[in-house]
Amino acid sequence: MNFFVLALFHILLLIDLSSSHADDVSEDKNSKVSRLSVEEILARDPSKKDYVAESECIHAHRIESMEVIDKKHIIVEMKTDDYFLIQFKNNCPDLRKGRPIMYDRRSARLCRLDVIRGMRDSGLNGFEPGVSCFIPGFQSVSKEQVVLIRESMKKARAEYRKNRWRLFPRKKSPDVSTW
């Protein structure tokens, strides 16, 4: 019985010491954060973690829809009204706005490095899977950011269409009537 009481006393002592140590650590962290001035915060280079909430995986059964914005961007709408942006580093060749896409996952969740493919229209045979692109991750975005992304991509497409003849000018054919 004495052994049991002694063991219980040691356990309570350890719990008390660890909680006081945790309080000291949290006070240290808070004091370091409060020591930074506004000038120091603005002077340092922000990392991606400072302004982007990124996820490795999302639950596939909670996906409501996936919208292709362009060859580099897909917006994923969840059933819980959460939104995620998939942003590829390079173009994913078969992604087209308004065309279906498919994804291959390794588990019940859609994760980073799983495969997403745009579907190619193969005429009478329907659609066939296109080139595989690996998902780089999921960036959490708000509904307002989704609206801004759609608008900015729409403006960029319109600007490209407006100026594409300047980028790739037509060769002028010689005037046939001057013979």
Foldseek 3Di string as FASTA:
>chain_A
DVVVVVVVVVVVVVVVVVVVVVVVVVVVVVVVVVPDDPVNVVPDDDDPVVPWDWDFKDQPVQWPDWFQLAQFWIWTAGVVRWIWIFGHPDGQPQDDGPFDKDWDDDDRIRGFQTWIFTWDQPPPVGTDTDDTDTGHTITTDHPVVVVVVNVVSVVVVVVCVVCVCVVPPDDDDDDPVPD
